[in-house]
Every structure is written in C-alpha cells, then in structure tokens.
Amino acid sequence: EQFGTLESLFPGRIDLGLGRAPGTDQLTAHALRRDRRSDGHDFPEQLAELRAYFDPSLASGRMPVRAIPGEGLNIPIWLLGSSGFSAQLAGQLGLPFAFASHFSPKYTLPALEIYRRHFKPSKVLEKPYAMVGLNIVAADTDEKASLLATTLQQQFLNLIRNHEAPLQPPVENFDELITDYEKEALKQQLGSSIIGSAKTVKEKLQTFLDETQADEIMVNAQIYDHEARLRSLEIVADITK
C-alpha cells in the first residue's frame, strides 16, 4: 500500500526493489526482521505473496487480504542481489535484476551470467534486463578524485573494523592508516570502483559496460563534500550523454 500510494502520486516514477538480505549489520538485521530464526530462505514465497497483492491473477488461490492502493497498479519489481540467489530467481521469474557491484565486484559477472542463463520470458520482460550498482568518484583531475575517494575507502574500512561512524572527510595519507590485510579486503569489496577525471572515468566505464553488458548503471557516490559530490555526478552525466 505504501508503494501503491507513491505510484498513485507519481505515476510511472516508482520502482520496487526487493532483496533477500536487509543489507546491514547482524544486530540491525535482527531488529528489522524481529524473528532471529529468519534467514531469507522464505524469500521466494514472500515475493510471490507480494506480487499477488499487485496482481491477484498471480495468486494460487483466493486473496483474503487486498492492498488498496496497490492492487492493479503496474509497479516494476526488481530483484536485488550480491550473489547468485536472487540472480537465478529473477531469471526464472522473468524480472529485472540489479546487482550490487559497488560492494561485491567479485561476483558481478558470475551473477549476471546466472541471471541471463536462467532467464525465462514473462509478461514483464521478453529478455533479460540488468542494472549494476557502481561506485564512481569523478573530479577535474585523477589526483583530486583519488583524494575524494578516501571517504569511500574509510567507510568500508570502518565496516571491516566493525566501527560505526558517519561519512568521513578525505585524508591525504590513507595508505598509512591501513594494514596489508585491510588493503586486500578493500580491494575485494571496492575492486570495481571507478575513480578519476572525466577522461579516466569514461574509459573505465566503457570497459565495465563492455564486460557486464549492463542495461543500466546505478551510480553510488560516497563523497564527503556536497559540492564535490554534485560535481562528480555532473561529470558522469556529461560523459554518458
């Protein structure tokens, strides 16, 4: 009903993204789920139930509960994932799929391959349609972009160290603040990130698109200074016109 309300207010502008995991730390995940026994294995059943609220024809039987507003509205449902589970499910159901390459780059290509291999045409899609989340930090020079990107690196470093902290300003000496193990861990999580000037970003983004064949890119820009973040997004927008 919440998404039905949004779609009623802003027709054609609302997508509903669903992931098996809550996308946070374990303590917060437990607080969100309430049931500590839940591990996400019932996600396909929950997805089927939710889709039936929008389209009762998908229900296996009579729907005793109706969602209004919501019922009868065409709200695109995306499956979100950082592994192969949602990729396979999205393919089997013929739904669009979004992959979290911005923190799980190692599994990007395997997940997209699983999605496309298992894809079955549906009344939603005739062929696979994939979006990929990607960290992009752009600036007027490669050096400035590298400096701005230390905010993103610090954010993930704090996750690795289990240290809660708000977004941190850039630092000049980031490499001196981390161990070799942490460097490797950051590489594993941020390996697909694109950082640099407009020229550098354009070249690396084209390579990324060639490799993934993604239909859409969702740009994640964890930049401390608001004006610098806007400038980064402007650069990306200009080179993708």
C-alpha atoms as a PDB file:
ATOM      1  CA  GLU A   1       0.000   0.000   0.000  1.00  0.00           C
ATOM      2  CA  GLN A   2       2.918   2.361   0.647  1.00  0.00           C
ATOM      3  CA  PHE A   3       4.303   1.785  -2.842  1.00  0.00           C
ATOM      4  CA  GLY A   4       0.766   1.898  -4.241  1.00  0.00           C
ATOM      5  CA  THR A   5       0.378   5.336  -2.688  1.00  0.00           C
ATOM      6  CA  LEU A   6       3.684   6.513  -4.176  1.00  0.00           C
ATOM      7  CA  GLU A   7       2.733   5.185  -7.620  1.00  0.00           C
ATOM      8  CA  SER A   8      -0.654   6.915  -7.366  1.00  0.00           C
ATOM      9  CA  LEU A   9       1.037  10.216  -6.518  1.00  0.00           C
ATOM     10  CA  PHE A  10       3.867   9.876  -9.041  1.00  0.00           C
ATOM     11  CA  PRO A  11       2.694   7.572 -11.871  1.00  0.00           C
ATOM     12  CA  GLY A  12       5.448   5.844 -13.784  1.00  0.00           C
ATOM     13  CA  ARG A  13       8.228   7.035 -11.471  1.00  0.00           C
ATOM     14  CA  ILE A  14       8.262   4.298  -8.847  1.00  0.00           C
ATOM     15  CA  ASP A  15      10.198   1.022  -8.851  1.00  0.00           C
ATOM     16  CA  LEU A  16      10.110  -1.545  -6.042  1.00  0.00           C
ATOM     17  CA  GLY A  17      13.445  -3.203  -5.292  1.00  0.00           C
ATOM     18  CA  LEU A  18      13.462  -6.354  -3.188  1.00  0.00           C
ATOM     19  CA  GLY A  19      16.440  -8.130  -1.672  1.00  0.00           C
ATOM     20  CA  ARG A  20      16.721 -11.287   0.378  1.00  0.00           C
ATOM     21  CA  ALA A  21      19.091  -9.670   2.881  1.00  0.00           C
ATOM     22  CA  PRO A  22      18.295  -6.494   4.854  1.00  0.00           C
ATOM     23  CA  GLY A  23      21.628  -5.009   3.773  1.00  0.00           C
ATOM     24  CA  THR A  24      23.057  -4.065   7.140  1.00  0.00           C
ATOM     25  CA  ASP A  25      24.906  -5.463  10.153  1.00  0.00           C
ATOM     26  CA  GLN A  26      23.572  -8.504  12.005  1.00  0.00           C
ATOM     27  CA  LEU A  27      22.243  -6.602  15.019  1.00  0.00           C
ATOM     28  CA  THR A  28      20.246  -4.219  12.844  1.00  0.00           C
ATOM     29  CA  ALA A  29      19.105  -7.123  10.675  1.00  0.00           C
ATOM     30  CA  HIS A  30      17.677  -8.846  13.732  1.00  0.00           C
ATOM     31  CA  ALA A  31      15.943  -5.640  14.772  1.00  0.00           C
ATOM     32  CA  LEU A  32      14.383  -5.297  11.326  1.00  0.00           C
ATOM     33  CA  ARG A  33      13.303  -8.911  10.957  1.00  0.00           C
ATOM     34  CA  ARG A  34      12.312  -9.377  14.588  1.00  0.00           C
ATOM     35  CA  ASP A  35      12.414 -13.145  14.063  1.00  0.00           C
ATOM     36  CA  ARG A  36      16.015 -14.224  14.664  1.00  0.00           C
ATOM     37  CA  ARG A  37      15.284 -17.573  13.016  1.00  0.00           C
ATOM     38  CA  SER A  38      14.623 -15.955   9.652  1.00  0.00           C
ATOM     39  CA  ASP A  39      17.498 -16.494   7.225  1.00  0.00           C
ATOM     40  CA  GLY A  40      15.853 -15.405   3.989  1.00  0.00           C
ATOM     41  CA  HIS A  41      15.050 -18.883   2.669  1.00  0.00           C
ATOM     42  CA  ASP A  42      11.366 -17.965   2.516  1.00  0.00           C
ATOM     43  CA  PHE A  43      12.135 -15.017   0.227  1.00  0.00           C
ATOM     44  CA  PRO A  44      10.631 -16.663  -2.897  1.00  0.00           C
ATOM     45  CA  GLU A  45       7.357 -17.276  -1.042  1.00  0.00           C
ATOM     46  CA  GLN A  46       7.279 -13.733   0.325  1.00  0.00           C
ATOM     47  CA  LEU A  47       7.992 -12.381  -3.158  1.00  0.00           C
ATOM     48  CA  ALA A  48       5.145 -14.419  -4.642  1.00  0.00           C
ATOM     49  CA  GLU A  49       2.762 -13.131  -1.976  1.00  0.00           C
ATOM     50  CA  LEU A  50       3.801  -9.519  -2.539  1.00  0.00           C
ATOM     51  CA  ARG A  51       3.445  -9.769  -6.326  1.00  0.00           C
ATOM     52  CA  ALA A  52      -0.053 -11.184  -5.874  1.00  0.00           C
ATOM     53  CA  TYR A  53      -1.125  -8.095  -3.902  1.00  0.00           C
ATOM     54  CA  PHE A  54      -0.360  -6.012  -7.002  1.00  0.00           C
ATOM     55  CA  ASP A  55      -1.684  -8.605  -9.444  1.00  0.00           C
ATOM     56  CA  PRO A  56      -4.242 -11.017  -7.883  1.00  0.00           C
ATOM     57  CA  SER A  57      -4.093 -13.190 -11.022  1.00  0.00           C
ATOM     58  CA  LEU A  58      -0.690 -14.396  -9.783  1.00  0.00           C
ATOM     59  CA  ALA A  59      -2.201 -15.798  -6.566  1.00  0.00           C
ATOM     60  CA  SER A  60      -2.525 -19.562  -6.190  1.00  0.00           C
ATOM     61  CA  GLY A  61      -5.961 -19.134  -4.628  1.00  0.00           C
ATOM     62  CA  ARG A  62      -8.380 -16.552  -3.309  1.00  0.00           C
ATOM     63  CA  MET A  63      -6.733 -13.465  -1.820  1.00  0.00           C
ATOM     64  CA  PRO A  64      -8.286 -12.889   1.608  1.00  0.00           C
ATOM     65  CA  VAL A  65      -6.390  -9.600   2.007  1.00  0.00           C
ATOM     66  CA  ARG A  66      -6.314  -6.840  -0.598  1.00  0.00           C
ATOM     67  CA  ALA A  67      -3.826  -3.966  -0.878  1.00  0.00           C
ATOM     68  CA  ILE A  68      -5.505  -0.670  -1.775  1.00  0.00           C
ATOM     69  CA  PRO A  69      -3.920   1.416  -3.201  1.00  0.00           C
ATOM     70  CA  GLY A  70      -1.640  -1.109  -4.854  1.00  0.00           C
ATOM     71  CA  GLU A  71      -3.877  -3.700  -6.407  1.00  0.00           C
ATOM     72  CA  GLY A  72      -3.926  -3.371 -10.187  1.00  0.00           C
ATOM     73  CA  LEU A  73      -1.031  -0.922 -10.350  1.00  0.00           C
ATOM     74  CA  ASN A  74       1.900  -1.661 -12.623  1.00  0.00           C
ATOM     75  CA  ILE A  75       4.892  -1.060 -10.351  1.00  0.00           C
ATOM     76  CA  PRO A  76       8.113  -2.609 -11.725  1.00  0.00           C
ATOM     77  CA  ILE A  77       9.596  -5.086  -9.246  1.00  0.00           C
ATOM     78  CA  TRP A  78      13.366  -5.534  -9.316  1.00  0.00           C
ATOM     79  CA  LEU A  79      15.230  -8.270  -7.508  1.00  0.00           C
ATOM     80  CA  LEU A  80      18.383  -7.021  -5.814  1.00  0.00           C
ATOM     81  CA  GLY A  81      21.373  -9.219  -5.128  1.00  0.00           C
ATOM     82  CA  SER A  82      25.044  -9.522  -4.251  1.00  0.00           C
ATOM     83  CA  SER A  83      25.308 -13.248  -5.042  1.00  0.00           C
ATOM     84  CA  GLY A  84      23.652 -15.792  -7.311  1.00  0.00           C
ATOM     85  CA  PHE A  85      20.438 -16.493  -5.358  1.00  0.00           C
ATOM     86  CA  SER A  86      18.372 -13.508  -6.475  1.00  0.00           C
ATOM     87  CA  ALA A  87      20.007 -13.634  -9.910  1.00  0.00           C
ATOM     88  CA  GLN A  88      18.635 -17.106 -10.542  1.00  0.00           C
ATOM     89  CA  LEU A  89      15.237 -16.298  -9.061  1.00  0.00           C
ATOM     90  CA  ALA A  90      14.922 -13.104 -11.137  1.00  0.00           C
ATOM     91  CA  GLY A  91      15.783 -15.070 -14.249  1.00  0.00           C
ATOM     92  CA  GLN A  92      13.280 -17.821 -13.547  1.00  0.00           C
ATOM     93  CA  LEU A  93      10.510 -15.286 -12.927  1.00  0.00           C
ATOM     94  CA  GLY A  94      11.434 -13.049 -15.847  1.00  0.00           C
ATOM     95  CA  LEU A  95      12.011  -9.997 -13.643  1.00  0.00           C
ATOM     96  CA  PRO A  96      14.649  -7.257 -13.940  1.00  0.00           C
ATOM     97  CA  PHE A  97      17.740  -7.803 -11.805  1.00  0.00           C
ATOM     98  CA  ALA A  98      20.046  -5.332 -10.052  1.00  0.00           C
ATOM     99  CA  PHE A  99      23.468  -6.429  -8.797  1.00  0.00           C
ATOM    100  CA  ALA A 100      25.494  -4.768  -6.033  1.00  0.00           C
ATOM    101  CA  SER A 101      28.845  -4.486  -7.764  1.00  0.00           C
ATOM    102  CA  HIS A 102      29.592  -1.437  -5.611  1.00  0.00           C
ATOM    103  CA  PHE A 103      30.471  -3.781  -2.732  1.00  0.00           C
ATOM    104  CA  SER A 104      30.554  -7.275  -4.286  1.00  0.00           C
ATOM    105  CA  PRO A 105      32.544  -6.877  -7.520  1.00  0.00           C
ATOM    106  CA  LYS A 106      33.948 -10.420  -7.481  1.00  0.00           C
ATOM    107  CA  TYR A 107      30.513 -11.926  -8.127  1.00  0.00           C
ATOM    108  CA  THR A 108      29.269  -9.390 -10.675  1.00  0.00           C
ATOM    109  CA  LEU A 109      29.951 -11.335 -13.853  1.00  0.00           C
ATOM    110  CA  PRO A 110      29.004 -14.754 -12.405  1.00  0.00           C
ATOM    111  CA  ALA A 111      25.694 -13.376 -11.084  1.00  0.00           C
ATOM    112  CA  LEU A 112      24.831 -11.708 -14.384  1.00  0.00           C
ATOM    113  CA  GLU A 113      25.669 -14.916 -16.235  1.00  0.00           C
ATOM    114  CA  ILE A 114      23.382 -16.891 -13.907  1.00  0.00           C
ATOM    115  CA  TYR A 115      20.588 -14.377 -14.409  1.00  0.00           C
ATOM    116  CA  ARG A 116      20.814 -14.462 -18.191  1.00  0.00           C
ATOM    117  CA  ARG A 117      21.226 -18.238 -18.354  1.00  0.00           C
ATOM    118  CA  HIS A 118      18.131 -18.891 -16.234  1.00  0.00           C
ATOM    119  CA  PHE A 119      16.009 -16.146 -17.772  1.00  0.00           C
ATOM    120  CA  LYS A 120      12.523 -17.101 -18.923  1.00  0.00           C
ATOM    121  CA  PRO A 121      10.409 -14.541 -20.808  1.00  0.00           C
ATOM    122  CA  SER A 122       7.423 -13.258 -18.854  1.00  0.00           C
ATOM    123  CA  LYS A 123       4.681 -10.685 -19.286  1.00  0.00           C
ATOM    124  CA  VAL A 124       7.080  -8.309 -17.514  1.00  0.00           C
ATOM    125  CA  LEU A 125      10.116  -8.832 -19.761  1.00  0.00           C
ATOM    126  CA  GLU A 126      10.795 -10.534 -23.077  1.00  0.00           C
ATOM    127  CA  LYS A 127      14.553 -10.625 -22.494  1.00  0.00           C
ATOM    128  CA  PRO A 128      16.939 -10.087 -19.540  1.00  0.00           C
ATOM    129  CA  TYR A 129      17.313  -6.571 -18.176  1.00  0.00           C
ATOM    130  CA  ALA A 130      20.103  -5.907 -15.703  1.00  0.00           C
ATOM    131  CA  MET A 131      21.208  -2.947 -13.623  1.00  0.00           C
ATOM    132  CA  VAL A 132      24.567  -2.780 -11.857  1.00  0.00           C
ATOM    133  CA  GLY A 133      25.408  -0.630  -8.842  1.00  0.00           C
ATOM    134  CA  LEU A 134      28.817   1.015  -9.232  1.00  0.00           C
ATOM    135  CA  ASN A 135      30.974   3.331  -7.147  1.00  0.00           C
ATOM    136  CA  ILE A 136      32.084   6.279  -9.268  1.00  0.00           C
ATOM    137  CA  VAL A 137      34.129   9.169  -7.897  1.00  0.00           C
ATOM    138  CA  ALA A 138      34.855  11.779 -10.558  1.00  0.00           C
ATOM    139  CA  ALA A 139      36.674  15.095 -10.325  1.00  0.00           C
ATOM    140  CA  ASP A 140      38.524  17.534 -12.554  1.00  0.00           C
ATOM    141  CA  THR A 141      41.775  15.578 -12.130  1.00  0.00           C
ATOM    142  CA  ASP A 142      42.722  11.996 -11.304  1.00  0.00           C
ATOM    143  CA  GLU A 143      44.587  13.204  -8.219  1.00  0.00           C
ATOM    144  CA  LYS A 144      41.594  15.069  -6.806  1.00  0.00           C
ATOM    145  CA  ALA A 145      39.317  12.115  -7.466  1.00  0.00           C
ATOM    146  CA  SER A 146      41.716   9.789  -5.654  1.00  0.00           C
ATOM    147  CA  LEU A 147      41.671  12.101  -2.654  1.00  0.00           C
ATOM    148  CA  LEU A 148      37.868  12.313  -2.639  1.00  0.00           C
ATOM    149  CA  ALA A 149      37.675   8.515  -2.874  1.00  0.00           C
ATOM    150  CA  THR A 150      39.388   8.107   0.503  1.00  0.00           C
ATOM    151  CA  THR A 151      35.994   8.919   2.044  1.00  0.00           C
ATOM    152  CA  LEU A 152      34.521   5.807   0.407  1.00  0.00           C
ATOM    153  CA  GLN A 153      37.569   3.784   1.409  1.00  0.00           C
ATOM    154  CA  GLN A 154      37.308   4.933   5.021  1.00  0.00           C
ATOM    155  CA  GLN A 155      33.636   3.995   5.073  1.00  0.00           C
ATOM    156  CA  PHE A 156      34.392   0.404   4.082  1.00  0.00           C
ATOM    157  CA  LEU A 157      37.423   0.301   6.352  1.00  0.00           C
ATOM    158  CA  ASN A 158      35.153   1.168   9.276  1.00  0.00           C
ATOM    159  CA  LEU A 159      32.835  -1.676   8.249  1.00  0.00           C
ATOM    160  CA  ILE A 160      35.791  -4.064   8.203  1.00  0.00           C
ATOM    161  CA  ARG A 161      36.838  -2.858  11.658  1.00  0.00           C
ATOM    162  CA  ASN A 162      33.237  -3.039  12.926  1.00  0.00           C
ATOM    163  CA  HIS A 163      33.437   0.639  13.808  1.00  0.00           C
ATOM    164  CA  GLU A 164      30.305   2.707  13.356  1.00  0.00           C
ATOM    165  CA  ALA A 165      30.998   6.230  12.131  1.00  0.00           C
ATOM    166  CA  PRO A 166      29.426   8.836   9.852  1.00  0.00           C
ATOM    167  CA  LEU A 167      30.939   9.617   6.459  1.00  0.00           C
ATOM    168  CA  GLN A 168      34.481  10.923   6.981  1.00  0.00           C
ATOM    169  CA  PRO A 169      36.307  13.762   5.165  1.00  0.00           C
ATOM    170  CA  PRO A 170      39.093  12.819   2.729  1.00  0.00           C
ATOM    171  CA  VAL A 171      42.593  12.145   4.072  1.00  0.00           C
ATOM    172  CA  GLU A 172      45.947  12.604   2.330  1.00  0.00           C
ATOM    173  CA  ASN A 173      47.689   9.613   3.917  1.00  0.00           C
ATOM    174  CA  PHE A 174      45.082   6.864   3.667  1.00  0.00           C
ATOM    175  CA  ASP A 175      47.579   4.113   2.749  1.00  0.00           C
ATOM    176  CA  GLU A 176      49.436   4.775   6.010  1.00  0.00           C
ATOM    177  CA  LEU A 177      46.264   4.118   8.026  1.00  0.00           C
ATOM    178  CA  ILE A 178      45.614   0.541   6.931  1.00  0.00           C
ATOM    179  CA  THR A 179      47.268  -2.861   7.161  1.00  0.00           C
ATOM    180  CA  ASP A 180      48.097  -5.141   4.240  1.00  0.00           C
ATOM    181  CA  TYR A 181      45.140  -7.347   5.184  1.00  0.00           C
ATOM    182  CA  GLU A 182      42.798  -4.370   5.130  1.00  0.00           C
ATOM    183  CA  LYS A 183      44.166  -3.266   1.753  1.00  0.00           C
ATOM    184  CA  GLU A 184      43.305  -6.670   0.314  1.00  0.00           C
ATOM    185  CA  ALA A 185      39.861  -6.636   1.937  1.00  0.00           C
ATOM    186  CA  LEU A 186      39.135  -3.208   0.443  1.00  0.00           C
ATOM    187  CA  LYS A 187      40.289  -4.441  -2.946  1.00  0.00           C
ATOM    188  CA  GLN A 188      37.826  -7.318  -2.706  1.00  0.00           C
ATOM    189  CA  GLN A 189      34.917  -5.013  -1.896  1.00  0.00           C
ATOM    190  CA  LEU A 190      35.779  -1.928  -3.931  1.00  0.00           C
ATOM    191  CA  GLY A 191      37.563  -3.517  -6.887  1.00  0.00           C
ATOM    192  CA  SER A 192      35.063  -2.352  -9.487  1.00  0.00           C
ATOM    193  CA  SER A 193      35.057   1.276  -8.307  1.00  0.00           C
ATOM    194  CA  ILE A 194      35.855   3.861 -10.958  1.00  0.00           C
ATOM    195  CA  ILE A 195      37.867   6.852  -9.766  1.00  0.00           C
ATOM    196  CA  GLY A 196      39.348   9.669 -11.825  1.00  0.00           C
ATOM    197  CA  SER A 197      38.909  12.577 -14.212  1.00  0.00           C
ATOM    198  CA  ALA A 198      36.255  12.663 -16.912  1.00  0.00           C
ATOM    199  CA  LYS A 199      38.623  11.006 -19.412  1.00  0.00           C
ATOM    200  CA  THR A 200      39.603   8.256 -16.998  1.00  0.00           C
ATOM    201  CA  VAL A 201      36.046   7.601 -15.874  1.00  0.00           C
ATOM    202  CA  LYS A 202      34.753   7.466 -19.447  1.00  0.00           C
ATOM    203  CA  GLU A 203      37.351   4.898 -20.478  1.00  0.00           C
ATOM    204  CA  LYS A 204      36.891   2.702 -17.405  1.00  0.00           C
ATOM    205  CA  LEU A 205      33.105   2.944 -17.511  1.00  0.00           C
ATOM    206  CA  GLN A 206      33.065   1.836 -21.159  1.00  0.00           C
ATOM    207  CA  THR A 207      35.254  -1.142 -20.257  1.00  0.00           C
ATOM    208  CA  PHE A 208      32.909  -2.006 -17.400  1.00  0.00           C
ATOM    209  CA  LEU A 209      29.869  -1.796 -19.686  1.00  0.00           C
ATOM    210  CA  ASP A 210      31.589  -3.934 -22.310  1.00  0.00           C
ATOM    211  CA  GLU A 211      32.304  -6.604 -19.690  1.00  0.00           C
ATOM    212  CA  THR A 212      28.917  -6.609 -17.959  1.00  0.00           C
ATOM    213  CA  GLN A 213      26.609  -5.649 -20.844  1.00  0.00           C
ATOM    214  CA  ALA A 214      24.505  -3.880 -18.189  1.00  0.00           C
ATOM    215  CA  ASP A 215      21.348  -2.142 -19.360  1.00  0.00           C
ATOM    216  CA  GLU A 216      21.525   0.446 -16.565  1.00  0.00           C
ATOM    217  CA  ILE A 217      24.125   1.706 -14.105  1.00  0.00           C
ATOM    218  CA  MET A 218      23.180   2.975 -10.652  1.00  0.00           C
ATOM    219  CA  VAL A 219      25.927   5.363  -9.587  1.00  0.00           C
ATOM    220  CA  ASN A 220      26.918   5.343  -5.923  1.00  0.00           C
ATOM    221  CA  ALA A 221      28.863   8.472  -4.947  1.00  0.00           C
ATOM    222  CA  GLN A 222      30.051   8.395  -1.340  1.00  0.00           C
ATOM    223  CA  ILE A 223      31.739  11.793  -1.366  1.00  0.00           C
ATOM    224  CA  TYR A 224      32.027  13.865   1.794  1.00  0.00           C
ATOM    225  CA  ASP A 225      31.664  17.383   0.395  1.00  0.00           C
ATOM    226  CA  HIS A 226      28.234  18.004  -1.110  1.00  0.00           C
ATOM    227  CA  GLU A 227      29.505  20.296  -3.873  1.00  0.00           C
ATOM    228  CA  ALA A 228      32.192  17.781  -4.812  1.00  0.00           C
ATOM    229  CA  ARG A 229      29.543  15.063  -4.936  1.00  0.00           C
ATOM    230  CA  LEU A 230      27.366  17.162  -7.241  1.00  0.00           C
ATOM    231  CA  ARG A 231      30.385  17.885  -9.440  1.00  0.00           C
ATOM    232  CA  SER A 232      31.156  14.164  -9.630  1.00  0.00           C
ATOM    233  CA  LEU A 233      27.609  13.369 -10.722  1.00  0.00           C
ATOM    234  CA  GLU A 234      27.715  16.191 -13.292  1.00  0.00           C
ATOM    235  CA  ILE A 235      30.881  14.760 -14.805  1.00  0.00           C
ATOM    236  CA  VAL A 236      29.352  11.292 -15.023  1.00  0.00           C
ATOM    237  CA  ALA A 237      26.157  12.712 -16.539  1.00  0.00           C
ATOM    238  CA  ASP A 238      28.124  14.644 -19.177  1.00  0.00           C
ATOM    239  CA  ILE A 239      30.199  11.671 -20.314  1.00  0.00           C
ATOM    240  CA  THR A 240      27.194   9.363 -20.561  1.00  0.00           C
ATOM    241  CA  LYS A 241      25.056  11.632 -22.725  1.00  0.00           C
END
